């Protein structure tokens, strides 16, 4: 049986929501069920967000995410900040890898249009993707399970695996959680802490979410058990607002 090491790498720009919980549970249980390692790595190195939010807000976001993970009972084997890994990354790029990127050349906005997706596909910078490849390698990540909205980085990621002579991890892109619209940290909808503050238990939250996301709840949080188009039920609005906001 293959041992899988997975990871969850949230951008530090707002609170975790139900879409993140779905990805956390899939990554966590795929690692646990195989005897592997689950890593949480907070992406606090994106300069645009650091500039917009400021250091105090960034720290507040990280603390909030950690509080959510603790409440959920999710205990990663590794939990770290990308910013704390940067000295190691710079040293490796300077001394260990044959490929030497020209930091002055690196662009600030690289992306791709994907026909047929009904949600935003995020652009990536070559700097961030290159660093991400090295971080995943250092942490021993061999299975990267992400939302479909991040598929535009896949070829870019593989490009740097080849340049850096790094063995690429297995890569799986799962459908994004649908709520009749975009769920976003910056929009602040369906935050995990809101359910906690409304008196819901972690068990009840994950059971209700499983009903919406999984094809067979008895089989658990596995990528091949995820519905093609998982959609949040009315229970979420009823818990948060006492109403059914969507049909």
C-alpha atoms as a PDB file:
ATOM      1  CA  UNK A   1       0.000   0.000   0.000  1.00  0.00           C
ATOM      2  CA  UNK A   2       1.315   3.419  -0.974  1.00  0.00           C
ATOM      3  CA  UNK A   3       1.999   5.871   1.854  1.00  0.00           C
ATOM      4  CA  UNK A   4       0.721   9.314   0.905  1.00  0.00           C
ATOM      5  CA  UNK A   5       2.037  12.603   2.286  1.00  0.00           C
ATOM      6  CA  UNK A   6      -0.452  15.385   1.599  1.00  0.00           C
ATOM      7  CA  UNK A   7      -0.614  19.079   2.363  1.00  0.00           C
ATOM      8  CA  UNK A   8      -2.969  22.014   2.753  1.00  0.00           C
ATOM      9  CA  UNK A   9      -1.488  25.412   1.820  1.00  0.00           C
ATOM     10  CA  UNK A  10      -3.961  28.240   2.492  1.00  0.00           C
ATOM     11  CA  UNK A  11      -3.181  31.764   1.359  1.00  0.00           C
ATOM     12  CA  UNK A  12      -3.138  33.986   4.422  1.00  0.00           C
ATOM     13  CA  UNK A  13      -5.761  36.528   3.386  1.00  0.00           C
ATOM     14  CA  UNK A  14      -8.874  35.679   5.396  1.00  0.00           C
ATOM     15  CA  UNK A  15     -10.709  33.046   7.477  1.00  0.00           C
ATOM     16  CA  UNK A  16     -11.166  29.417   6.467  1.00  0.00           C
ATOM     17  CA  UNK A  17     -14.567  28.434   5.061  1.00  0.00           C
ATOM     18  CA  UNK A  18     -16.486  25.261   4.186  1.00  0.00           C
ATOM     19  CA  UNK A  19     -14.630  24.881   0.885  1.00  0.00           C
ATOM     20  CA  UNK A  20     -11.364  24.712   2.805  1.00  0.00           C
ATOM     21  CA  UNK A  21     -12.834  22.248   5.298  1.00  0.00           C
ATOM     22  CA  UNK A  22     -13.736  19.906   2.451  1.00  0.00           C
ATOM     23  CA  UNK A  23     -10.154  20.022   1.097  1.00  0.00           C
ATOM     24  CA  UNK A  24      -8.645  19.721   4.576  1.00  0.00           C
ATOM     25  CA  UNK A  25     -10.659  16.585   5.319  1.00  0.00           C
ATOM     26  CA  UNK A  26      -9.800  14.923   1.996  1.00  0.00           C
ATOM     27  CA  UNK A  27      -6.095  15.648   2.389  1.00  0.00           C
ATOM     28  CA  UNK A  28      -6.047  14.751   6.080  1.00  0.00           C
ATOM     29  CA  UNK A  29      -7.784  11.388   5.714  1.00  0.00           C
ATOM     30  CA  UNK A  30      -5.983  10.330   2.543  1.00  0.00           C
ATOM     31  CA  UNK A  31      -2.725  10.777   4.479  1.00  0.00           C
ATOM     32  CA  UNK A  32      -3.995   9.204   7.712  1.00  0.00           C
ATOM     33  CA  UNK A  33      -5.580   6.181   6.063  1.00  0.00           C
ATOM     34  CA  UNK A  34      -2.316   5.367   4.257  1.00  0.00           C
ATOM     35  CA  UNK A  35      -0.080   5.939   7.286  1.00  0.00           C
ATOM     36  CA  UNK A  36       1.323   9.110   5.736  1.00  0.00           C
ATOM     37  CA  UNK A  37       1.944  12.675   6.856  1.00  0.00           C
ATOM     38  CA  UNK A  38      -0.411  15.651   6.630  1.00  0.00           C
ATOM     39  CA  UNK A  39       1.270  19.062   6.410  1.00  0.00           C
ATOM     40  CA  UNK A  40      -0.267  22.520   6.836  1.00  0.00           C
ATOM     41  CA  UNK A  41       1.867  25.279   5.339  1.00  0.00           C
ATOM     42  CA  UNK A  42       0.578  28.829   5.631  1.00  0.00           C
ATOM     43  CA  UNK A  43       1.260  30.792   2.439  1.00  0.00           C
ATOM     44  CA  UNK A  44       2.329  34.110   3.960  1.00  0.00           C
ATOM     45  CA  UNK A  45       4.837  35.016   1.237  1.00  0.00           C
ATOM     46  CA  UNK A  46       2.541  36.576  -1.362  1.00  0.00           C
ATOM     47  CA  UNK A  47       3.726  40.169  -1.456  1.00  0.00           C
ATOM     48  CA  UNK A  48       0.473  41.635  -2.746  1.00  0.00           C
ATOM     49  CA  UNK A  49      -1.541  40.292   0.195  1.00  0.00           C
ATOM     50  CA  UNK A  50       1.156  41.172   2.702  1.00  0.00           C
ATOM     51  CA  UNK A  51       1.112  44.726   1.398  1.00  0.00           C
ATOM     52  CA  UNK A  52      -2.679  45.044   1.355  1.00  0.00           C
ATOM     53  CA  UNK A  53      -3.293  43.469   4.763  1.00  0.00           C
ATOM     54  CA  UNK A  54      -0.194  44.424   6.725  1.00  0.00           C
ATOM     55  CA  UNK A  55       1.737  42.198   9.170  1.00  0.00           C
ATOM     56  CA  UNK A  56      -0.801  42.486  12.004  1.00  0.00           C
ATOM     57  CA  UNK A  57      -3.704  41.274   9.857  1.00  0.00           C
ATOM     58  CA  UNK A  58      -1.603  38.480   8.356  1.00  0.00           C
ATOM     59  CA  UNK A  59      -0.764  37.237  11.870  1.00  0.00           C
ATOM     60  CA  UNK A  60      -4.426  37.490  12.821  1.00  0.00           C
ATOM     61  CA  UNK A  61      -5.409  35.348   9.812  1.00  0.00           C
ATOM     62  CA  UNK A  62      -2.881  32.658  10.737  1.00  0.00           C
ATOM     63  CA  UNK A  63      -4.083  32.584  14.348  1.00  0.00           C
ATOM     64  CA  UNK A  64      -7.691  32.276  13.158  1.00  0.00           C
ATOM     65  CA  UNK A  65      -6.848  29.382  10.843  1.00  0.00           C
ATOM     66  CA  UNK A  66      -4.984  27.608  13.633  1.00  0.00           C
ATOM     67  CA  UNK A  67      -7.972  28.077  15.959  1.00  0.00           C
ATOM     68  CA  UNK A  68     -10.227  26.470  13.336  1.00  0.00           C
ATOM     69  CA  UNK A  69      -7.908  23.484  12.917  1.00  0.00           C
ATOM     70  CA  UNK A  70      -7.679  22.967  16.682  1.00  0.00           C
ATOM     71  CA  UNK A  71     -11.472  23.159  17.045  1.00  0.00           C
ATOM     72  CA  UNK A  72     -11.896  20.644  14.219  1.00  0.00           C
ATOM     73  CA  UNK A  73      -9.454  18.259  15.878  1.00  0.00           C
ATOM     74  CA  UNK A  74      -7.158  18.312  12.842  1.00  0.00           C
ATOM     75  CA  UNK A  75      -3.597  17.715  14.013  1.00  0.00           C
ATOM     76  CA  UNK A  76      -1.058  17.993  11.193  1.00  0.00           C
ATOM     77  CA  UNK A  77       2.332  16.335  11.610  1.00  0.00           C
ATOM     78  CA  UNK A  78       3.937  19.500  10.220  1.00  0.00           C
ATOM     79  CA  UNK A  79       2.612  23.038  10.604  1.00  0.00           C
ATOM     80  CA  UNK A  80       4.792  25.891   9.385  1.00  0.00           C
ATOM     81  CA  UNK A  81       4.984  29.270   7.673  1.00  0.00           C
ATOM     82  CA  UNK A  82       6.352  29.628   4.162  1.00  0.00           C
ATOM     83  CA  UNK A  83       8.160  32.809   5.208  1.00  0.00           C
ATOM     84  CA  UNK A  84      10.196  30.799   7.725  1.00  0.00           C
ATOM     85  CA  UNK A  85      11.373  28.483   4.933  1.00  0.00           C
ATOM     86  CA  UNK A  86      12.602  31.221   2.614  1.00  0.00           C
ATOM     87  CA  UNK A  87      16.232  31.292   3.791  1.00  0.00           C
ATOM     88  CA  UNK A  88      16.475  27.561   3.079  1.00  0.00           C
ATOM     89  CA  UNK A  89      14.849  28.044  -0.326  1.00  0.00           C
ATOM     90  CA  UNK A  90      17.241  30.859  -1.287  1.00  0.00           C
ATOM     91  CA  UNK A  91      20.240  28.805  -0.196  1.00  0.00           C
ATOM     92  CA  UNK A  92      19.097  25.772  -2.184  1.00  0.00           C
ATOM     93  CA  UNK A  93      18.485  27.823  -5.323  1.00  0.00           C
ATOM     94  CA  UNK A  94      21.897  29.405  -4.934  1.00  0.00           C
ATOM     95  CA  UNK A  95      23.964  26.332  -4.117  1.00  0.00           C
ATOM     96  CA  UNK A  96      22.193  23.005  -4.598  1.00  0.00           C
ATOM     97  CA  UNK A  97      20.142  23.149  -7.773  1.00  0.00           C
ATOM     98  CA  UNK A  98      21.655  23.146 -11.239  1.00  0.00           C
ATOM     99  CA  UNK A  99      18.911  25.505 -12.401  1.00  0.00           C
ATOM    100  CA  UNK A 100      19.678  29.123 -11.390  1.00  0.00           C
ATOM    101  CA  UNK A 101      16.659  31.385 -11.883  1.00  0.00           C
ATOM    102  CA  UNK A 102      17.240  35.032 -12.651  1.00  0.00           C
ATOM    103  CA  UNK A 103      15.244  36.770  -9.921  1.00  0.00           C
ATOM    104  CA  UNK A 104      15.229  40.016 -11.881  1.00  0.00           C
ATOM    105  CA  UNK A 105      13.539  38.324 -14.842  1.00  0.00           C
ATOM    106  CA  UNK A 106      10.732  36.658 -12.889  1.00  0.00           C
ATOM    107  CA  UNK A 107       7.339  37.936 -13.894  1.00  0.00           C
ATOM    108  CA  UNK A 108       4.554  39.063 -11.585  1.00  0.00           C
ATOM    109  CA  UNK A 109       1.489  37.712 -13.378  1.00  0.00           C
ATOM    110  CA  UNK A 110       1.364  34.425 -15.254  1.00  0.00           C
ATOM    111  CA  UNK A 111      -1.899  32.633 -15.823  1.00  0.00           C
ATOM    112  CA  UNK A 112      -4.010  30.654 -18.244  1.00  0.00           C
ATOM    113  CA  UNK A 113      -7.582  30.625 -19.435  1.00  0.00           C
ATOM    114  CA  UNK A 114      -9.348  27.273 -19.049  1.00  0.00           C
ATOM    115  CA  UNK A 115     -12.415  26.870 -21.259  1.00  0.00           C
ATOM    116  CA  UNK A 116     -15.407  25.208 -19.641  1.00  0.00           C
ATOM    117  CA  UNK A 117     -14.815  26.192 -16.031  1.00  0.00           C
ATOM    118  CA  UNK A 118     -17.515  28.355 -14.503  1.00  0.00           C
ATOM    119  CA  UNK A 119     -15.332  29.948 -11.856  1.00  0.00           C
ATOM    120  CA  UNK A 120     -12.245  32.097 -11.640  1.00  0.00           C
ATOM    121  CA  UNK A 121      -8.886  30.497 -12.431  1.00  0.00           C
ATOM    122  CA  UNK A 122      -6.100  32.152 -10.515  1.00  0.00           C
ATOM    123  CA  UNK A 123      -2.871  33.465 -12.087  1.00  0.00           C
ATOM    124  CA  UNK A 124       0.524  32.463 -10.715  1.00  0.00           C
ATOM    125  CA  UNK A 125       3.956  33.991 -10.608  1.00  0.00           C
ATOM    126  CA  UNK A 126       6.932  31.896 -11.583  1.00  0.00           C
ATOM    127  CA  UNK A 127       8.683  32.896  -8.350  1.00  0.00           C
ATOM    128  CA  UNK A 128       5.895  31.525  -6.151  1.00  0.00           C
ATOM    129  CA  UNK A 129       5.518  28.314  -8.147  1.00  0.00           C
ATOM    130  CA  UNK A 130       9.250  27.627  -8.175  1.00  0.00           C
ATOM    131  CA  UNK A 131       9.445  28.129  -4.415  1.00  0.00           C
ATOM    132  CA  UNK A 132       6.347  25.960  -3.906  1.00  0.00           C
ATOM    133  CA  UNK A 133       7.952  23.061  -5.791  1.00  0.00           C
ATOM    134  CA  UNK A 134      10.997  23.213  -3.527  1.00  0.00           C
ATOM    135  CA  UNK A 135       8.899  23.464  -0.357  1.00  0.00           C
ATOM    136  CA  UNK A 136       6.803  20.455  -1.343  1.00  0.00           C
ATOM    137  CA  UNK A 137       9.992  18.499  -2.048  1.00  0.00           C
ATOM    138  CA  UNK A 138      11.540  19.452   1.305  1.00  0.00           C
ATOM    139  CA  UNK A 139       8.384  18.369   3.115  1.00  0.00           C
ATOM    140  CA  UNK A 140       8.206  15.060   1.264  1.00  0.00           C
ATOM    141  CA  UNK A 141       4.810  15.781  -0.302  1.00  0.00           C
ATOM    142  CA  UNK A 142       3.992  13.028  -2.781  1.00  0.00           C
ATOM    143  CA  UNK A 143       0.290  13.723  -3.363  1.00  0.00           C
ATOM    144  CA  UNK A 144      -1.041  17.223  -4.007  1.00  0.00           C
ATOM    145  CA  UNK A 145      -4.856  17.360  -3.744  1.00  0.00           C
ATOM    146  CA  UNK A 146      -6.252  20.766  -4.709  1.00  0.00           C
ATOM    147  CA  UNK A 147      -9.364  22.516  -5.943  1.00  0.00           C
ATOM    148  CA  UNK A 148     -10.120  22.556  -9.668  1.00  0.00           C
ATOM    149  CA  UNK A 149      -9.697  26.351  -9.691  1.00  0.00           C
ATOM    150  CA  UNK A 150      -5.944  25.845  -9.236  1.00  0.00           C
ATOM    151  CA  UNK A 151      -5.448  23.625 -12.276  1.00  0.00           C
ATOM    152  CA  UNK A 152      -3.970  26.514 -14.265  1.00  0.00           C
ATOM    153  CA  UNK A 153      -0.751  26.149 -12.244  1.00  0.00           C
ATOM    154  CA  UNK A 154      -0.264  22.464 -13.068  1.00  0.00           C
ATOM    155  CA  UNK A 155       1.885  22.796 -16.189  1.00  0.00           C
ATOM    156  CA  UNK A 156       3.814  25.607 -14.540  1.00  0.00           C
ATOM    157  CA  UNK A 157       4.432  23.399 -11.494  1.00  0.00           C
ATOM    158  CA  UNK A 158       5.626  20.515 -13.670  1.00  0.00           C
ATOM    159  CA  UNK A 159       7.877  22.908 -15.593  1.00  0.00           C
ATOM    160  CA  UNK A 160       9.782  23.731 -12.405  1.00  0.00           C
ATOM    161  CA  UNK A 161       9.901  20.091 -11.320  1.00  0.00           C
ATOM    162  CA  UNK A 162      11.758  19.395 -14.577  1.00  0.00           C
ATOM    163  CA  UNK A 163      14.062  22.405 -14.288  1.00  0.00           C
ATOM    164  CA  UNK A 164      14.949  21.629 -10.672  1.00  0.00           C
ATOM    165  CA  UNK A 165      15.179  17.854 -11.267  1.00  0.00           C
ATOM    166  CA  UNK A 166      12.558  17.256  -8.564  1.00  0.00           C
ATOM    167  CA  UNK A 167      10.309  14.207  -8.631  1.00  0.00           C
ATOM    168  CA  UNK A 168       6.771  15.574  -9.146  1.00  0.00           C
ATOM    169  CA  UNK A 169       4.069  14.541  -6.683  1.00  0.00           C
ATOM    170  CA  UNK A 170       0.866  12.863  -7.723  1.00  0.00           C
ATOM    171  CA  UNK A 171      -1.564  15.681  -8.525  1.00  0.00           C
ATOM    172  CA  UNK A 172      -5.345  15.511  -8.183  1.00  0.00           C
ATOM    173  CA  UNK A 173      -7.793  18.373  -8.763  1.00  0.00           C
ATOM    174  CA  UNK A 174     -11.189  17.951  -7.121  1.00  0.00           C
ATOM    175  CA  UNK A 175     -14.397  19.860  -7.942  1.00  0.00           C
ATOM    176  CA  UNK A 176     -14.870  23.133  -6.115  1.00  0.00           C
ATOM    177  CA  UNK A 177     -17.617  23.300  -3.503  1.00  0.00           C
ATOM    178  CA  UNK A 178     -20.667  25.057  -4.941  1.00  0.00           C
ATOM    179  CA  UNK A 179     -22.938  27.326  -2.933  1.00  0.00           C
ATOM    180  CA  UNK A 180     -24.811  29.033  -5.730  1.00  0.00           C
ATOM    181  CA  UNK A 181     -21.865  31.395  -6.049  1.00  0.00           C
ATOM    182  CA  UNK A 182     -18.192  31.793  -5.186  1.00  0.00           C
ATOM    183  CA  UNK A 183     -17.039  30.980  -1.654  1.00  0.00           C
ATOM    184  CA  UNK A 184     -14.067  33.175  -0.851  1.00  0.00           C
ATOM    185  CA  UNK A 185     -11.946  34.017   2.185  1.00  0.00           C
ATOM    186  CA  UNK A 186     -12.033  37.649   1.184  1.00  0.00           C
ATOM    187  CA  UNK A 187     -15.831  37.626   0.807  1.00  0.00           C
ATOM    188  CA  UNK A 188     -16.104  35.886   4.157  1.00  0.00           C
ATOM    189  CA  UNK A 189     -19.006  33.524   3.435  1.00  0.00           C
ATOM    190  CA  UNK A 190     -19.572  30.223   5.329  1.00  0.00           C
ATOM    191  CA  UNK A 191     -16.635  30.744   7.669  1.00  0.00           C
ATOM    192  CA  UNK A 192     -15.783  27.802   9.927  1.00  0.00           C
ATOM    193  CA  UNK A 193     -15.579  30.085  12.947  1.00  0.00           C
ATOM    194  CA  UNK A 194     -19.137  31.256  12.305  1.00  0.00           C
ATOM    195  CA  UNK A 195     -20.421  27.705  12.704  1.00  0.00           C
ATOM    196  CA  UNK A 196     -18.360  27.333  15.866  1.00  0.00           C
ATOM    197  CA  UNK A 197     -19.734  30.570  17.282  1.00  0.00           C
ATOM    198  CA  UNK A 198     -23.279  29.442  16.445  1.00  0.00           C
ATOM    199  CA  UNK A 199     -22.860  26.444  18.717  1.00  0.00           C
ATOM    200  CA  UNK A 200     -22.348  23.725  16.101  1.00  0.00           C
ATOM    201  CA  UNK A 201     -20.009  20.874  17.028  1.00  0.00           C
ATOM    202  CA  UNK A 202     -17.131  19.820  14.727  1.00  0.00           C
ATOM    203  CA  UNK A 203     -18.730  16.392  14.332  1.00  0.00           C
ATOM    204  CA  UNK A 204     -22.109  17.802  13.264  1.00  0.00           C
ATOM    205  CA  UNK A 205     -20.407  20.182  10.829  1.00  0.00           C
ATOM    206  CA  UNK A 206     -18.384  17.459   9.125  1.00  0.00           C
ATOM    207  CA  UNK A 207     -21.362  15.069   9.022  1.00  0.00           C
ATOM    208  CA  UNK A 208     -23.536  17.655   7.273  1.00  0.00           C
ATOM    209  CA  UNK A 209     -20.758  18.588   4.889  1.00  0.00           C
ATOM    210  CA  UNK A 210     -20.149  14.921   4.074  1.00  0.00           C
ATOM    211  CA  UNK A 211     -23.807  14.592   3.108  1.00  0.00           C
ATOM    212  CA  UNK A 212     -23.272  17.277   0.460  1.00  0.00           C
ATOM    213  CA  UNK A 213     -19.787  16.339  -0.740  1.00  0.00           C
ATOM    214  CA  UNK A 214     -19.420  12.554  -0.602  1.00  0.00           C
ATOM    215  CA  UNK A 215     -21.098  10.011  -2.852  1.00  0.00           C
ATOM    216  CA  UNK A 216     -21.032   7.404  -0.077  1.00  0.00           C
ATOM    217  CA  UNK A 217     -20.617   8.707   3.481  1.00  0.00           C
ATOM    218  CA  UNK A 218     -19.610   5.257   4.728  1.00  0.00           C
ATOM    219  CA  UNK A 219     -16.518   5.288   2.490  1.00  0.00           C
ATOM    220  CA  UNK A 220     -15.197   8.503   3.981  1.00  0.00           C
ATOM    221  CA  UNK A 221     -13.151  11.444   2.736  1.00  0.00           C
ATOM    222  CA  UNK A 222     -11.409  10.026  -0.325  1.00  0.00           C
ATOM    223  CA  UNK A 223     -10.899  11.768  -3.645  1.00  0.00           C
ATOM    224  CA  UNK A 224     -12.692   9.028  -5.578  1.00  0.00           C
ATOM    225  CA  UNK A 225     -15.708   9.441  -3.282  1.00  0.00           C
ATOM    226  CA  UNK A 226     -16.258  13.147  -4.022  1.00  0.00           C
ATOM    227  CA  UNK A 227     -19.352  14.140  -6.012  1.00  0.00           C
ATOM    228  CA  UNK A 228     -18.855  15.643  -9.459  1.00  0.00           C
ATOM    229  CA  UNK A 229     -20.549  18.886  -8.399  1.00  0.00           C
ATOM    230  CA  UNK A 230     -20.705  19.073  -4.592  1.00  0.00           C
ATOM    231  CA  UNK A 231     -23.147  21.731  -3.382  1.00  0.00           C
ATOM    232  CA  UNK A 232     -23.776  23.049   0.122  1.00  0.00           C
ATOM    233  CA  UNK A 233     -27.263  22.272   1.382  1.00  0.00           C
ATOM    234  CA  UNK A 234     -29.653  24.757   2.961  1.00  0.00           C
ATOM    235  CA  UNK A 235     -28.520  23.637   6.407  1.00  0.00           C
ATOM    236  CA  UNK A 236     -25.572  26.060   6.254  1.00  0.00           C
ATOM    237  CA  UNK A 237     -27.775  29.148   5.887  1.00  0.00           C
ATOM    238  CA  UNK A 238     -30.226  27.820   8.441  1.00  0.00           C
ATOM    239  CA  UNK A 239     -27.477  27.405  11.033  1.00  0.00           C
ATOM    240  CA  UNK A 240     -25.868  30.786  10.361  1.00  0.00           C
ATOM    241  CA  UNK A 241     -28.974  32.908   9.730  1.00  0.00           C
ATOM    242  CA  UNK A 242     -31.977  30.907  10.835  1.00  0.00           C
ATOM    243  CA  UNK A 243     -33.282  30.984   7.272  1.00  0.00           C
ATOM    244  CA  UNK A 244     -32.975  29.044   4.051  1.00  0.00           C
ATOM    245  CA  UNK A 245     -31.366  31.618   1.772  1.00  0.00           C
ATOM    246  CA  UNK A 246     -31.095  29.302  -1.242  1.00  0.00           C
ATOM    247  CA  UNK A 247     -33.553  26.904  -2.816  1.00  0.00           C
END
